[in-house]
């Protein structure tokens, strides 16, 4: 059970990284997203650019900051869904 969870977590991180790499290939687009200058989809309002700006202030480039943000969001979704599925089993 633990091994399959670790494999799933690595897969979630890899997919998040690939999504980030394909979404903001250039640093100009990544900076526009992080600074809130580009039109945002419905679920990508104020929190994601704000956190990306904080990560950029810590020294990360815009593309890496957004990729880290997507990966941590995917990990949070993974554990949220795990918690939800465990709550129905008990």
C-alpha atoms as a PDB file:
ATOM      1  CA  UNK A   1       0.000   0.000   0.000  1.00  0.00           C
ATOM      2  CA  UNK A   2       2.742   2.448   0.920  1.00  0.00           C
ATOM      3  CA  UNK A   3       4.694   1.709  -2.252  1.00  0.00           C
ATOM      4  CA  UNK A   4       1.686   2.359  -4.498  1.00  0.00           C
ATOM      5  CA  UNK A   5       1.015   5.643  -2.700  1.00  0.00           C
ATOM      6  CA  UNK A   6       4.616   6.733  -3.283  1.00  0.00           C
ATOM      7  CA  UNK A   7       4.402   5.797  -6.972  1.00  0.00           C
ATOM      8  CA  UNK A   8       1.156   7.767  -7.309  1.00  0.00           C
ATOM      9  CA  UNK A   9       2.712  10.778  -5.573  1.00  0.00           C
ATOM     10  CA  UNK A  10       5.740  10.719  -7.881  1.00  0.00           C
ATOM     11  CA  UNK A  11       3.391  10.452 -10.859  1.00  0.00           C
ATOM     12  CA  UNK A  12       1.373  13.453  -9.633  1.00  0.00           C
ATOM     13  CA  UNK A  13       4.578  15.500  -9.255  1.00  0.00           C
ATOM     14  CA  UNK A  14       5.791  14.484 -12.733  1.00  0.00           C
ATOM     15  CA  UNK A  15       2.472  15.402 -14.358  1.00  0.00           C
ATOM     16  CA  UNK A  16       2.435  18.733 -12.514  1.00  0.00           C
ATOM     17  CA  UNK A  17       5.954  19.517 -13.655  1.00  0.00           C
ATOM     18  CA  UNK A  18       5.136  18.560 -17.270  1.00  0.00           C
ATOM     19  CA  UNK A  19       2.001  20.709 -17.191  1.00  0.00           C
ATOM     20  CA  UNK A  20       3.980  23.660 -15.875  1.00  0.00           C
ATOM     21  CA  UNK A  21       6.715  23.229 -18.462  1.00  0.00           C
ATOM     22  CA  UNK A  22       4.219  23.099 -21.334  1.00  0.00           C
ATOM     23  CA  UNK A  23       2.120  26.007 -20.046  1.00  0.00           C
ATOM     24  CA  UNK A  24       4.846  28.609 -19.545  1.00  0.00           C
ATOM     25  CA  UNK A  25       7.710  27.690 -21.856  1.00  0.00           C
ATOM     26  CA  UNK A  26       9.019  31.251 -21.956  1.00  0.00           C
ATOM     27  CA  UNK A  27       9.904  33.328 -18.936  1.00  0.00           C
ATOM     28  CA  UNK A  28       7.999  36.313 -20.364  1.00  0.00           C
ATOM     29  CA  UNK A  29       4.675  34.442 -20.242  1.00  0.00           C
ATOM     30  CA  UNK A  30       5.463  32.998 -16.817  1.00  0.00           C
ATOM     31  CA  UNK A  31       6.217  36.468 -15.429  1.00  0.00           C
ATOM     32  CA  UNK A  32       2.997  37.846 -16.935  1.00  0.00           C
ATOM     33  CA  UNK A  33       1.005  35.071 -15.241  1.00  0.00           C
ATOM     34  CA  UNK A  34       2.811  35.501 -11.935  1.00  0.00           C
ATOM     35  CA  UNK A  35       2.339  39.276 -11.942  1.00  0.00           C
ATOM     36  CA  UNK A  36      -1.341  38.919 -12.802  1.00  0.00           C
ATOM     37  CA  UNK A  37      -1.016  40.681 -16.161  1.00  0.00           C
ATOM     38  CA  UNK A  38      -2.398  37.830 -18.251  1.00  0.00           C
ATOM     39  CA  UNK A  39      -6.049  36.844 -18.306  1.00  0.00           C
ATOM     40  CA  UNK A  40      -6.682  34.210 -15.703  1.00  0.00           C
ATOM     41  CA  UNK A  41      -8.987  31.216 -15.994  1.00  0.00           C
ATOM     42  CA  UNK A  42     -11.887  30.873 -13.576  1.00  0.00           C
ATOM     43  CA  UNK A  43      -9.991  28.877 -10.930  1.00  0.00           C
ATOM     44  CA  UNK A  44      -6.749  30.877 -11.180  1.00  0.00           C
ATOM     45  CA  UNK A  45      -7.755  34.160  -9.561  1.00  0.00           C
ATOM     46  CA  UNK A  46      -5.719  35.991  -6.950  1.00  0.00           C
ATOM     47  CA  UNK A  47      -4.015  33.449  -4.694  1.00  0.00           C
ATOM     48  CA  UNK A  48      -1.828  31.686  -7.274  1.00  0.00           C
ATOM     49  CA  UNK A  49      -0.184  34.853  -8.677  1.00  0.00           C
ATOM     50  CA  UNK A  50       0.290  36.190  -5.145  1.00  0.00           C
ATOM     51  CA  UNK A  51       2.058  33.019  -3.980  1.00  0.00           C
ATOM     52  CA  UNK A  52       4.106  33.011  -7.204  1.00  0.00           C
ATOM     53  CA  UNK A  53       5.167  36.612  -6.507  1.00  0.00           C
ATOM     54  CA  UNK A  54       6.260  35.598  -2.988  1.00  0.00           C
ATOM     55  CA  UNK A  55       8.327  32.738  -4.449  1.00  0.00           C
ATOM     56  CA  UNK A  56       9.819  35.130  -7.012  1.00  0.00           C
ATOM     57  CA  UNK A  57      10.748  37.518  -4.194  1.00  0.00           C
ATOM     58  CA  UNK A  58      12.604  34.595  -2.585  1.00  0.00           C
ATOM     59  CA  UNK A  59      14.719  34.305  -5.735  1.00  0.00           C
ATOM     60  CA  UNK A  60      12.977  31.689  -7.881  1.00  0.00           C
ATOM     61  CA  UNK A  61      12.473  32.455 -11.572  1.00  0.00           C
ATOM     62  CA  UNK A  62       8.833  32.902 -12.607  1.00  0.00           C
ATOM     63  CA  UNK A  63       8.559  29.587 -14.482  1.00  0.00           C
ATOM     64  CA  UNK A  64       9.979  27.615 -11.573  1.00  0.00           C
ATOM     65  CA  UNK A  65       7.783  29.455  -9.067  1.00  0.00           C
ATOM     66  CA  UNK A  66       4.653  28.596 -11.036  1.00  0.00           C
ATOM     67  CA  UNK A  67       5.798  24.991 -11.501  1.00  0.00           C
ATOM     68  CA  UNK A  68       6.385  24.609  -7.759  1.00  0.00           C
ATOM     69  CA  UNK A  69       2.962  26.087  -7.129  1.00  0.00           C
ATOM     70  CA  UNK A  70       1.280  23.638  -9.523  1.00  0.00           C
ATOM     71  CA  UNK A  71       3.142  20.664  -8.028  1.00  0.00           C
ATOM     72  CA  UNK A  72       2.179  21.580  -4.460  1.00  0.00           C
ATOM     73  CA  UNK A  73      -1.411  22.122  -5.565  1.00  0.00           C
ATOM     74  CA  UNK A  74      -1.435  18.686  -7.209  1.00  0.00           C
ATOM     75  CA  UNK A  75      -0.010  17.098  -4.046  1.00  0.00           C
ATOM     76  CA  UNK A  76      -2.693  18.849  -1.983  1.00  0.00           C
ATOM     77  CA  UNK A  77      -5.373  17.548  -4.347  1.00  0.00           C
ATOM     78  CA  UNK A  78      -3.904  14.042  -4.118  1.00  0.00           C
ATOM     79  CA  UNK A  79      -4.017  14.003  -0.323  1.00  0.00           C
ATOM     80  CA  UNK A  80      -7.436  15.688  -0.277  1.00  0.00           C
ATOM     81  CA  UNK A  81      -8.855  12.969  -2.494  1.00  0.00           C
ATOM     82  CA  UNK A  82      -7.142  10.309  -0.369  1.00  0.00           C
ATOM     83  CA  UNK A  83      -8.724  11.778   2.773  1.00  0.00           C
ATOM     84  CA  UNK A  84     -12.107  11.858   1.069  1.00  0.00           C
ATOM     85  CA  UNK A  85     -11.856   8.244  -0.081  1.00  0.00           C
ATOM     86  CA  UNK A  86     -10.690   7.117   3.384  1.00  0.00           C
ATOM     87  CA  UNK A  87     -13.637   8.867   5.020  1.00  0.00           C
ATOM     88  CA  UNK A  88     -16.076   6.798   2.960  1.00  0.00           C
ATOM     89  CA  UNK A  89     -14.344   3.520   3.840  1.00  0.00           C
ATOM     90  CA  UNK A  90     -14.674   3.933   7.599  1.00  0.00           C
END
